[in-house]
Amino acid sequence: MAGLKNTLKTTVLLAALGGLFMGIGQLVGGSGGLVIGFGIALLFCGGSYWFSDTLAIKAARAKPVTREEAPEMYAIVEDLARRNDMPMPRLYISAEPQPNAFATGRSPSHAAVCCTQGILQVLDQDELRGVLAHELSHVQNRDILIGSVAAAVAMGIMFVSRIAMWGAMFGGGGDDDDGGGILGVLALVILAPIAAMFLQMALSRSREYQADASGAHLVNDGEPLARALEKIEAYVKQVPMNVQPAQATAFIINPLTGRKVSFAGLFSSHPPTEDRIRRLRSGEWR
């Protein structure tokens, strides 16, 4: 059921991105711009679907690791994947000192799990197991695709808003009969980034709550993940991470917490960590 809902959300997000590309293309270049916008939309939509895992891994500047290079992480994920009856995902480690983790990919067969160096140093084995169970739950629920696509949608809309701005400045925004005029273009330049962030909010808070609950079920204990969230939250406020706001929703805790970010980052928040911890410790996940 979760997979079906996220497939629908993904379709809606991709359709919205395609429509916005085409709309801005028409405003900037009339009917010719509409065709160009359609072509760009196909590239962005197709790319965000087929390469969602690659985009997230590159954004985190993560490197693939083998069993020999990360034996503890590999053993935990291998055991959890077997318990969850799912393929073994590819494993990556980011050199970031901030403790954090995320999962990405369009399906369980094309999934990847990434941990930062910080989280491997800060958490004990049980806590790391709780975090990785949470991430594998994202994979199993097939809701990692919606996060990757939403991030691509947000970045794509930012991109086309800048195209529209340059088109308005140097192309005159088209004529009034064929295009939408300079005022229409400028309105979209202002509104498109806001629309992008509202599209990202399609990643509802229930997505993280569900992964917390599923992860606790997988290890039959909510306490290790609760302790891990406490530690990560404390470090995130002190140790910055260089990540684009559009990718922040992929992480188990928003890596931009406690840092001054652009207006766009305000819309990429996670559920309150305190509430997630309360639910895990009160047994609401059972």
C-alpha atoms as a PDB file:
ATOM      1  CA  MET A   1       0.000   0.000   0.000  1.00  0.00           C
ATOM      2  CA  ALA A   2       2.833   2.410   0.897  1.00  0.00           C
ATOM      3  CA  GLY A   3       4.519   1.620  -2.417  1.00  0.00           C
ATOM      4  CA  LEU A   4       1.317   2.331  -4.373  1.00  0.00           C
ATOM      5  CA  LYS A   5       0.791   5.671  -2.622  1.00  0.00           C
ATOM      6  CA  ASN A   6       4.380   6.727  -3.279  1.00  0.00           C
ATOM      7  CA  THR A   7       4.114   5.711  -6.946  1.00  0.00           C
ATOM      8  CA  LEU A   8       1.104   8.036  -7.216  1.00  0.00           C
ATOM      9  CA  LYS A   9       2.960  10.857  -5.458  1.00  0.00           C
ATOM     10  CA  THR A  10       5.933  10.384  -7.770  1.00  0.00           C
ATOM     11  CA  THR A  11       3.698  10.580 -10.842  1.00  0.00           C
ATOM     12  CA  VAL A  12       2.083  13.793  -9.570  1.00  0.00           C
ATOM     13  CA  LEU A  13       5.459  15.397  -8.821  1.00  0.00           C
ATOM     14  CA  LEU A  14       6.888  14.513 -12.221  1.00  0.00           C
ATOM     15  CA  ALA A  15       3.768  15.773 -13.971  1.00  0.00           C
ATOM     16  CA  ALA A  16       3.944  19.041 -12.023  1.00  0.00           C
ATOM     17  CA  LEU A  17       7.606  19.490 -12.943  1.00  0.00           C
ATOM     18  CA  GLY A  18       6.897  18.820 -16.622  1.00  0.00           C
ATOM     19  CA  GLY A  19       3.989  21.248 -16.649  1.00  0.00           C
ATOM     20  CA  LEU A  20       6.079  23.987 -15.043  1.00  0.00           C
ATOM     21  CA  PHE A  21       8.911  23.547 -17.544  1.00  0.00           C
ATOM     22  CA  MET A  22       6.449  23.824 -20.419  1.00  0.00           C
ATOM     23  CA  GLY A  23       4.656  26.810 -18.894  1.00  0.00           C
ATOM     24  CA  ILE A  24       7.850  28.782 -18.383  1.00  0.00           C
ATOM     25  CA  GLY A  25       9.032  27.798 -21.854  1.00  0.00           C
ATOM     26  CA  GLN A  26       5.866  29.238 -23.384  1.00  0.00           C
ATOM     27  CA  LEU A  27       6.122  32.446 -21.370  1.00  0.00           C
ATOM     28  CA  VAL A  28       9.739  32.942 -22.396  1.00  0.00           C
ATOM     29  CA  GLY A  29       9.572  31.848 -26.031  1.00  0.00           C
ATOM     30  CA  GLY A  30       5.954  31.354 -27.020  1.00  0.00           C
ATOM     31  CA  SER A  31       5.066  28.169 -28.911  1.00  0.00           C
ATOM     32  CA  GLY A  32       8.732  27.500 -29.701  1.00  0.00           C
ATOM     33  CA  GLY A  33       9.605  27.805 -26.036  1.00  0.00           C
ATOM     34  CA  LEU A  34       6.780  25.391 -25.191  1.00  0.00           C
ATOM     35  CA  VAL A  35       8.405  22.701 -27.327  1.00  0.00           C
ATOM     36  CA  ILE A  36      11.819  23.370 -25.793  1.00  0.00           C
ATOM     37  CA  GLY A  37      10.273  23.256 -22.322  1.00  0.00           C
ATOM     38  CA  PHE A  38       8.714  19.881 -23.131  1.00  0.00           C
ATOM     39  CA  GLY A  39      12.093  18.512 -24.216  1.00  0.00           C
ATOM     40  CA  ILE A  40      13.811  19.763 -21.052  1.00  0.00           C
ATOM     41  CA  ALA A  41      10.963  18.318 -18.963  1.00  0.00           C
ATOM     42  CA  LEU A  42      11.518  14.875 -20.482  1.00  0.00           C
ATOM     43  CA  LEU A  43      15.212  15.057 -19.652  1.00  0.00           C
ATOM     44  CA  PHE A  44      14.669  16.153 -16.047  1.00  0.00           C
ATOM     45  CA  CYS A  45      11.768  13.769 -15.351  1.00  0.00           C
ATOM     46  CA  GLY A  46      13.497  10.788 -16.911  1.00  0.00           C
ATOM     47  CA  GLY A  47      16.762  11.607 -15.207  1.00  0.00           C
ATOM     48  CA  SER A  48      15.190  12.059 -11.774  1.00  0.00           C
ATOM     49  CA  TYR A  49      13.556   8.630 -12.078  1.00  0.00           C
ATOM     50  CA  TRP A  50      16.403   6.559 -13.489  1.00  0.00           C
ATOM     51  CA  PHE A  51      19.286   8.307 -11.733  1.00  0.00           C
ATOM     52  CA  SER A  52      17.717   9.309  -8.393  1.00  0.00           C
ATOM     53  CA  ASP A  53      20.176   7.137  -6.441  1.00  0.00           C
ATOM     54  CA  THR A  54      23.193   8.475  -8.341  1.00  0.00           C
ATOM     55  CA  LEU A  55      22.116  12.091  -7.784  1.00  0.00           C
ATOM     56  CA  ALA A  56      21.773  11.640  -4.015  1.00  0.00           C
ATOM     57  CA  ILE A  57      25.067   9.768  -3.651  1.00  0.00           C
ATOM     58  CA  LYS A  58      26.956  12.415  -5.630  1.00  0.00           C
ATOM     59  CA  ALA A  59      25.340  15.203  -3.608  1.00  0.00           C
ATOM     60  CA  ALA A  60      26.701  13.568  -0.442  1.00  0.00           C
ATOM     61  CA  ARG A  61      30.110  13.034  -2.086  1.00  0.00           C
ATOM     62  CA  ALA A  62      29.944   9.419  -0.883  1.00  0.00           C
ATOM     63  CA  LYS A  63      32.172   6.510  -1.901  1.00  0.00           C
ATOM     64  CA  PRO A  64      31.145   2.848  -2.265  1.00  0.00           C
ATOM     65  CA  VAL A  65      32.455   0.451   0.378  1.00  0.00           C
ATOM     66  CA  THR A  66      32.962  -3.304   0.486  1.00  0.00           C
ATOM     67  CA  ARG A  67      32.545  -5.835   3.284  1.00  0.00           C
ATOM     68  CA  GLU A  68      36.273  -5.588   4.000  1.00  0.00           C
ATOM     69  CA  GLU A  69      36.240  -1.775   4.151  1.00  0.00           C
ATOM     70  CA  ALA A  70      33.188  -1.450   6.441  1.00  0.00           C
ATOM     71  CA  PRO A  71      32.667  -4.855   8.105  1.00  0.00           C
ATOM     72  CA  GLU A  72      30.339  -3.690  10.902  1.00  0.00           C
ATOM     73  CA  MET A  73      28.061  -1.651   8.658  1.00  0.00           C
ATOM     74  CA  TYR A  74      28.031  -4.387   6.010  1.00  0.00           C
ATOM     75  CA  ALA A  75      27.184  -7.145   8.532  1.00  0.00           C
ATOM     76  CA  ILE A  76      24.312  -5.141  10.037  1.00  0.00           C
ATOM     77  CA  VAL A  77      22.762  -4.244   6.681  1.00  0.00           C
ATOM     78  CA  GLU A  78      23.197  -7.796   5.363  1.00  0.00           C
ATOM     79  CA  ASP A  79      21.380  -9.243   8.390  1.00  0.00           C
ATOM     80  CA  LEU A  80      18.577  -6.652   8.299  1.00  0.00           C
ATOM     81  CA  ALA A  81      18.069  -7.105   4.552  1.00  0.00           C
ATOM     82  CA  ARG A  82      17.768 -10.862   5.050  1.00  0.00           C
ATOM     83  CA  ARG A  83      15.265 -10.373   7.880  1.00  0.00           C
ATOM     84  CA  ASN A  84      13.276  -7.965   5.698  1.00  0.00           C
ATOM     85  CA  ASP A  85      13.380 -10.364   2.725  1.00  0.00           C
ATOM     86  CA  MET A  86      14.887  -7.776   0.409  1.00  0.00           C
ATOM     87  CA  PRO A  87      17.988  -7.539  -1.821  1.00  0.00           C
ATOM     88  CA  MET A  88      21.223  -6.323  -0.309  1.00  0.00           C
ATOM     89  CA  PRO A  89      21.542  -2.597  -1.125  1.00  0.00           C
ATOM     90  CA  ARG A  90      24.791  -0.978  -2.205  1.00  0.00           C
ATOM     91  CA  LEU A  91      26.651   0.631   0.680  1.00  0.00           C
ATOM     92  CA  TYR A  92      28.335   4.030   0.700  1.00  0.00           C
ATOM     93  CA  ILE A  93      30.193   6.155   3.220  1.00  0.00           C
ATOM     94  CA  SER A  94      30.415   9.937   3.107  1.00  0.00           C
ATOM     95  CA  ALA A  95      33.423  11.683   4.645  1.00  0.00           C
ATOM     96  CA  GLU A  96      31.121  14.224   6.343  1.00  0.00           C
ATOM     97  CA  PRO A  97      31.868  14.532  10.093  1.00  0.00           C
ATOM     98  CA  GLN A  98      28.208  15.207  10.933  1.00  0.00           C
ATOM     99  CA  PRO A  99      26.513  11.979  12.086  1.00  0.00           C
ATOM    100  CA  ASN A 100      23.722  11.223   9.607  1.00  0.00           C
ATOM    101  CA  ALA A 101      22.473   8.614   7.142  1.00  0.00           C
ATOM    102  CA  PHE A 102      20.094   8.195   4.233  1.00  0.00           C
ATOM    103  CA  ALA A 103      18.759   5.631   1.766  1.00  0.00           C
ATOM    104  CA  THR A 104      18.090   6.276  -1.897  1.00  0.00           C
ATOM    105  CA  GLY A 105      17.080   4.531  -5.118  1.00  0.00           C
ATOM    106  CA  ARG A 106      13.950   3.895  -7.144  1.00  0.00           C
ATOM    107  CA  SER A 107      13.244   0.373  -5.815  1.00  0.00           C
ATOM    108  CA  PRO A 108      14.611  -2.277  -3.425  1.00  0.00           C
ATOM    109  CA  SER A 109      16.551  -3.753  -6.359  1.00  0.00           C
ATOM    110  CA  HIS A 110      18.185  -0.381  -7.124  1.00  0.00           C
ATOM    111  CA  ALA A 111      18.770   0.916  -3.615  1.00  0.00           C
ATOM    112  CA  ALA A 112      21.738   2.339  -1.740  1.00  0.00           C
ATOM    113  CA  VAL A 113      22.346   3.137   1.917  1.00  0.00           C
ATOM    114  CA  CYS A 114      24.826   5.810   2.919  1.00  0.00           C
ATOM    115  CA  CYS A 115      26.321   6.571   6.341  1.00  0.00           C
ATOM    116  CA  THR A 116      28.563   9.480   7.179  1.00  0.00           C
ATOM    117  CA  GLN A 117      31.899   8.972   8.900  1.00  0.00           C
ATOM    118  CA  GLY A 118      30.426  10.939  11.777  1.00  0.00           C
ATOM    119  CA  ILE A 119      27.606   8.501  12.466  1.00  0.00           C
ATOM    120  CA  LEU A 120      29.955   5.509  12.369  1.00  0.00           C
ATOM    121  CA  GLN A 121      32.107   7.181  15.024  1.00  0.00           C
ATOM    122  CA  VAL A 122      29.328   8.480  17.290  1.00  0.00           C
ATOM    123  CA  LEU A 123      26.876   5.574  17.530  1.00  0.00           C
ATOM    124  CA  ASP A 124      27.358   2.216  19.210  1.00  0.00           C
ATOM    125  CA  GLN A 125      26.467  -0.980  17.370  1.00  0.00           C
ATOM    126  CA  ASP A 126      22.860  -1.199  18.613  1.00  0.00           C
ATOM    127  CA  GLU A 127      22.194   2.452  17.773  1.00  0.00           C
ATOM    128  CA  LEU A 128      23.689   2.052  14.297  1.00  0.00           C
ATOM    129  CA  ARG A 129      21.525  -1.029  13.829  1.00  0.00           C
ATOM    130  CA  GLY A 130      18.441   1.040  14.711  1.00  0.00           C
ATOM    131  CA  VAL A 131      19.378   3.725  12.184  1.00  0.00           C
ATOM    132  CA  LEU A 132      20.073   1.223   9.418  1.00  0.00           C
ATOM    133  CA  ALA A 133      16.777  -0.550  10.143  1.00  0.00           C
ATOM    134  CA  HIS A 134      15.055   2.818   9.674  1.00  0.00           C
ATOM    135  CA  GLU A 135      16.807   3.358   6.335  1.00  0.00           C
ATOM    136  CA  LEU A 136      16.036  -0.154   5.079  1.00  0.00           C
ATOM    137  CA  SER A 137      12.406   0.483   5.993  1.00  0.00           C
ATOM    138  CA  HIS A 138      12.446   3.446   3.617  1.00  0.00           C
ATOM    139  CA  VAL A 139      13.716   1.060   0.951  1.00  0.00           C
ATOM    140  CA  GLN A 140      11.144  -1.621   1.742  1.00  0.00           C
ATOM    141  CA  ASN A 141       8.294   0.914   1.794  1.00  0.00           C
ATOM    142  CA  ARG A 142       9.482   2.192  -1.601  1.00  0.00           C
ATOM    143  CA  ASP A 143       9.305   5.765  -0.374  1.00  0.00           C
ATOM    144  CA  ILE A 144      12.915   6.654  -1.086  1.00  0.00           C
ATOM    145  CA  LEU A 145      12.075   7.273  -4.735  1.00  0.00           C
ATOM    146  CA  ILE A 146       9.562   9.985  -3.842  1.00  0.00           C
ATOM    147  CA  GLY A 147      12.232  11.760  -1.785  1.00  0.00           C
ATOM    148  CA  SER A 148      14.794  11.629  -4.574  1.00  0.00           C
ATOM    149  CA  VAL A 149      12.293  12.727  -7.205  1.00  0.00           C
ATOM    150  CA  ALA A 150      11.034  15.567  -5.011  1.00  0.00           C
ATOM    151  CA  ALA A 151      14.599  16.768  -4.555  1.00  0.00           C
ATOM    152  CA  ALA A 152      15.152  16.615  -8.315  1.00  0.00           C
ATOM    153  CA  VAL A 153      11.865  18.438  -8.860  1.00  0.00           C
ATOM    154  CA  ALA A 154      12.903  21.206  -6.480  1.00  0.00           C
ATOM    155  CA  MET A 155      16.303  21.621  -8.118  1.00  0.00           C
ATOM    156  CA  GLY A 156      14.741  21.465 -11.575  1.00  0.00           C
ATOM    157  CA  ILE A 157      12.236  24.187 -10.769  1.00  0.00           C
ATOM    158  CA  MET A 158      15.025  26.350  -9.398  1.00  0.00           C
ATOM    159  CA  PHE A 159      16.871  25.769 -12.663  1.00  0.00           C
ATOM    160  CA  VAL A 160      13.962  26.753 -14.903  1.00  0.00           C
ATOM    161  CA  SER A 161      13.220  29.824 -12.806  1.00  0.00           C
ATOM    162  CA  ARG A 162      16.745  31.025 -13.557  1.00  0.00           C
ATOM    163  CA  ILE A 163      16.252  30.242 -17.252  1.00  0.00           C
ATOM    164  CA  ALA A 164      13.101  32.345 -17.160  1.00  0.00           C
ATOM    165  CA  MET A 165      14.940  35.185 -15.428  1.00  0.00           C
ATOM    166  CA  TRP A 166      17.695  35.272 -18.050  1.00  0.00           C
ATOM    167  CA  GLY A 167      15.139  34.925 -20.819  1.00  0.00           C
ATOM    168  CA  ALA A 168      13.214  37.888 -19.453  1.00  0.00           C
ATOM    169  CA  MET A 169      16.352  40.001 -19.163  1.00  0.00           C
ATOM    170  CA  PHE A 170      17.837  39.272 -22.583  1.00  0.00           C
ATOM    171  CA  GLY A 171      14.985  37.902 -24.661  1.00  0.00           C
ATOM    172  CA  GLY A 172      12.293  40.381 -23.804  1.00  0.00           C
ATOM    173  CA  GLY A 173       9.974  37.623 -22.531  1.00  0.00           C
ATOM    174  CA  GLY A 174       8.371  37.086 -25.974  1.00  0.00           C
ATOM    175  CA  ASP A 175       5.629  39.231 -27.454  1.00  0.00           C
ATOM    176  CA  ASP A 176       2.256  39.671 -25.836  1.00  0.00           C
ATOM    177  CA  ASP A 177       0.410  37.604 -28.449  1.00  0.00           C
ATOM    178  CA  ASP A 178       2.663  34.536 -28.379  1.00  0.00           C
ATOM    179  CA  GLY A 179       4.248  34.546 -24.952  1.00  0.00           C
ATOM    180  CA  GLY A 180       3.031  35.668 -21.579  1.00  0.00           C
ATOM    181  CA  GLY A 181       4.884  38.933 -21.405  1.00  0.00           C
ATOM    182  CA  ILE A 182       7.690  40.113 -19.161  1.00  0.00           C
ATOM    183  CA  LEU A 183       5.445  40.458 -16.098  1.00  0.00           C
ATOM    184  CA  GLY A 184       4.293  36.864 -16.347  1.00  0.00           C
ATOM    185  CA  VAL A 185       7.853  35.644 -16.602  1.00  0.00           C
ATOM    186  CA  LEU A 186       8.976  37.675 -13.607  1.00  0.00           C
ATOM    187  CA  ALA A 187       6.009  36.411 -11.581  1.00  0.00           C
ATOM    188  CA  LEU A 188       7.061  32.842 -12.293  1.00  0.00           C
ATOM    189  CA  VAL A 189      10.673  33.610 -11.427  1.00  0.00           C
ATOM    190  CA  ILE A 190       9.466  34.671  -7.984  1.00  0.00           C
ATOM    191  CA  LEU A 191       6.803  32.008  -7.477  1.00  0.00           C
ATOM    192  CA  ALA A 192       8.554  28.976  -8.989  1.00  0.00           C
ATOM    193  CA  PRO A 193      11.057  28.458  -6.121  1.00  0.00           C
ATOM    194  CA  ILE A 194       8.215  28.727  -3.615  1.00  0.00           C
ATOM    195  CA  ALA A 195       6.240  26.181  -5.627  1.00  0.00           C
ATOM    196  CA  ALA A 196       9.284  23.915  -5.610  1.00  0.00           C
ATOM    197  CA  MET A 197       9.442  23.901  -1.853  1.00  0.00           C
ATOM    198  CA  PHE A 198       5.741  23.194  -1.503  1.00  0.00           C
ATOM    199  CA  LEU A 199       6.194  20.258  -3.857  1.00  0.00           C
ATOM    200  CA  GLN A 200       8.925  18.967  -1.566  1.00  0.00           C
ATOM    201  CA  MET A 201       6.456  19.123   1.293  1.00  0.00           C
ATOM    202  CA  ALA A 202       4.710  16.201  -0.425  1.00  0.00           C
ATOM    203  CA  LEU A 203       7.261  14.253   1.623  1.00  0.00           C
ATOM    204  CA  SER A 204       4.867  14.131   4.557  1.00  0.00           C
ATOM    205  CA  ARG A 205       5.910  13.708   8.143  1.00  0.00           C
ATOM    206  CA  SER A 206       4.140  10.356   8.207  1.00  0.00           C
ATOM    207  CA  ARG A 207       6.924   9.048   5.924  1.00  0.00           C
ATOM    208  CA  GLU A 208       9.549   9.428   8.672  1.00  0.00           C
ATOM    209  CA  TYR A 209       7.198   8.250  11.412  1.00  0.00           C
ATOM    210  CA  GLN A 210       6.415   5.123   9.399  1.00  0.00           C
ATOM    211  CA  ALA A 211      10.094   4.369   8.802  1.00  0.00           C
ATOM    212  CA  ASP A 212      10.756   4.805  12.541  1.00  0.00           C
ATOM    213  CA  ALA A 213       7.960   2.348  13.350  1.00  0.00           C
ATOM    214  CA  SER A 214       8.986  -0.159  10.672  1.00  0.00           C
ATOM    215  CA  GLY A 215      12.616   0.046  11.754  1.00  0.00           C
ATOM    216  CA  ALA A 216      11.694  -0.558  15.393  1.00  0.00           C
ATOM    217  CA  HIS A 217       9.631  -3.572  14.319  1.00  0.00           C
ATOM    218  CA  LEU A 218      12.563  -4.913  12.331  1.00  0.00           C
ATOM    219  CA  VAL A 219      14.864  -4.968  15.381  1.00  0.00           C
ATOM    220  CA  ASN A 220      11.965  -5.511  17.826  1.00  0.00           C
ATOM    221  CA  ASP A 221      13.037  -2.537  19.930  1.00  0.00           C
ATOM    222  CA  GLY A 222      12.500   1.220  19.640  1.00  0.00           C
ATOM    223  CA  GLU A 223      15.126   2.246  22.184  1.00  0.00           C
ATOM    224  CA  PRO A 224      18.285   1.939  20.002  1.00  0.00           C
ATOM    225  CA  LEU A 225      16.835   4.255  17.335  1.00  0.00           C
ATOM    226  CA  ALA A 226      15.559   6.651  20.006  1.00  0.00           C
ATOM    227  CA  ARG A 227      19.068   6.921  21.507  1.00  0.00           C
ATOM    228  CA  ALA A 228      20.557   7.337  18.048  1.00  0.00           C
ATOM    229  CA  LEU A 229      18.160  10.175  17.199  1.00  0.00           C
ATOM    230  CA  GLU A 230      19.093  11.933  20.454  1.00  0.00           C
ATOM    231  CA  LYS A 231      22.803  11.765  19.632  1.00  0.00           C
ATOM    232  CA  ILE A 232      22.382  12.769  15.985  1.00  0.00           C
ATOM    233  CA  GLU A 233      20.168  15.725  16.890  1.00  0.00           C
ATOM    234  CA  ALA A 234      22.752  17.021  19.387  1.00  0.00           C
ATOM    235  CA  TYR A 235      25.626  16.756  16.907  1.00  0.00           C
ATOM    236  CA  VAL A 236      23.696  18.142  13.931  1.00  0.00           C
ATOM    237  CA  LYS A 237      23.241  21.427  15.806  1.00  0.00           C
ATOM    238  CA  GLN A 238      26.998  21.691  16.326  1.00  0.00           C
ATOM    239  CA  VAL A 239      28.571  20.094  13.232  1.00  0.00           C
ATOM    240  CA  PRO A 240      27.542  21.615   9.892  1.00  0.00           C
ATOM    241  CA  MET A 241      27.104  19.643   6.681  1.00  0.00           C
ATOM    242  CA  ASN A 242      27.634  20.992   3.185  1.00  0.00           C
ATOM    243  CA  VAL A 243      24.467  19.742   1.482  1.00  0.00           C
ATOM    244  CA  GLN A 244      21.909  21.373  -0.792  1.00  0.00           C
ATOM    245  CA  PRO A 245      18.569  22.127   0.929  1.00  0.00           C
ATOM    246  CA  ALA A 246      16.783  20.144  -1.788  1.00  0.00           C
ATOM    247  CA  GLN A 247      18.627  16.989  -0.640  1.00  0.00           C
ATOM    248  CA  ALA A 248      18.151  17.563   3.084  1.00  0.00           C
ATOM    249  CA  THR A 249      14.904  15.578   3.300  1.00  0.00           C
ATOM    250  CA  ALA A 250      16.747  12.360   2.403  1.00  0.00           C
ATOM    251  CA  PHE A 251      18.614  12.224   5.726  1.00  0.00           C
ATOM    252  CA  ILE A 252      17.316  10.613   8.912  1.00  0.00           C
ATOM    253  CA  ILE A 253      17.509  14.041  10.595  1.00  0.00           C
ATOM    254  CA  ASN A 254      17.604  17.310   8.675  1.00  0.00           C
ATOM    255  CA  PRO A 255      21.349  18.014   8.307  1.00  0.00           C
ATOM    256  CA  LEU A 256      20.691  21.754   8.146  1.00  0.00           C
ATOM    257  CA  THR A 257      19.128  21.937  11.609  1.00  0.00           C
ATOM    258  CA  GLY A 258      20.621  24.760  13.623  1.00  0.00           C
ATOM    259  CA  ARG A 259      22.170  26.418  10.578  1.00  0.00           C
ATOM    260  CA  LYS A 260      21.025  29.552   8.802  1.00  0.00           C
ATOM    261  CA  VAL A 261      19.810  28.461   5.387  1.00  0.00           C
ATOM    262  CA  SER A 262      17.988  29.988   2.462  1.00  0.00           C
ATOM    263  CA  PHE A 263      14.217  30.418   2.414  1.00  0.00           C
ATOM    264  CA  ALA A 264      14.064  27.147   0.453  1.00  0.00           C
ATOM    265  CA  GLY A 265      15.487  25.174   3.357  1.00  0.00           C
ATOM    266  CA  LEU A 266      12.658  26.161   5.643  1.00  0.00           C
ATOM    267  CA  PHE A 267      10.333  23.784   3.800  1.00  0.00           C
ATOM    268  CA  SER A 268      12.528  20.683   4.068  1.00  0.00           C
ATOM    269  CA  SER A 269      12.050  20.073   7.808  1.00  0.00           C
ATOM    270  CA  HIS A 270      11.510  16.648   9.350  1.00  0.00           C
ATOM    271  CA  PRO A 271       9.054  15.728  12.112  1.00  0.00           C
ATOM    272  CA  PRO A 272      10.148  17.019  15.538  1.00  0.00           C
ATOM    273  CA  THR A 273      12.875  14.707  16.794  1.00  0.00           C
ATOM    274  CA  GLU A 274      11.483  14.871  20.319  1.00  0.00           C
ATOM    275  CA  ASP A 275       8.152  13.506  19.109  1.00  0.00           C
ATOM    276  CA  ARG A 276       9.837  10.724  17.138  1.00  0.00           C
ATOM    277  CA  ILE A 277      11.780   9.709  20.248  1.00  0.00           C
ATOM    278  CA  ARG A 278       8.622   9.809  22.400  1.00  0.00           C
ATOM    279  CA  ARG A 279       6.772   7.536  19.980  1.00  0.00           C
ATOM    280  CA  LEU A 280       9.629   5.066  19.892  1.00  0.00           C
ATOM    281  CA  ARG A 281       9.942   4.896  23.678  1.00  0.00           C
ATOM    282  CA  SER A 282       6.214   4.799  24.386  1.00  0.00           C
ATOM    283  CA  GLY A 283       5.753   1.744  22.188  1.00  0.00           C
ATOM    284  CA  GLU A 284       3.441   3.434  19.655  1.00  0.00           C
ATOM    285  CA  TRP A 285       5.350   1.604  16.928  1.00  0.00           C
ATOM    286  CA  ARG A 286       4.064  -1.811  18.098  1.00  0.00           C
END
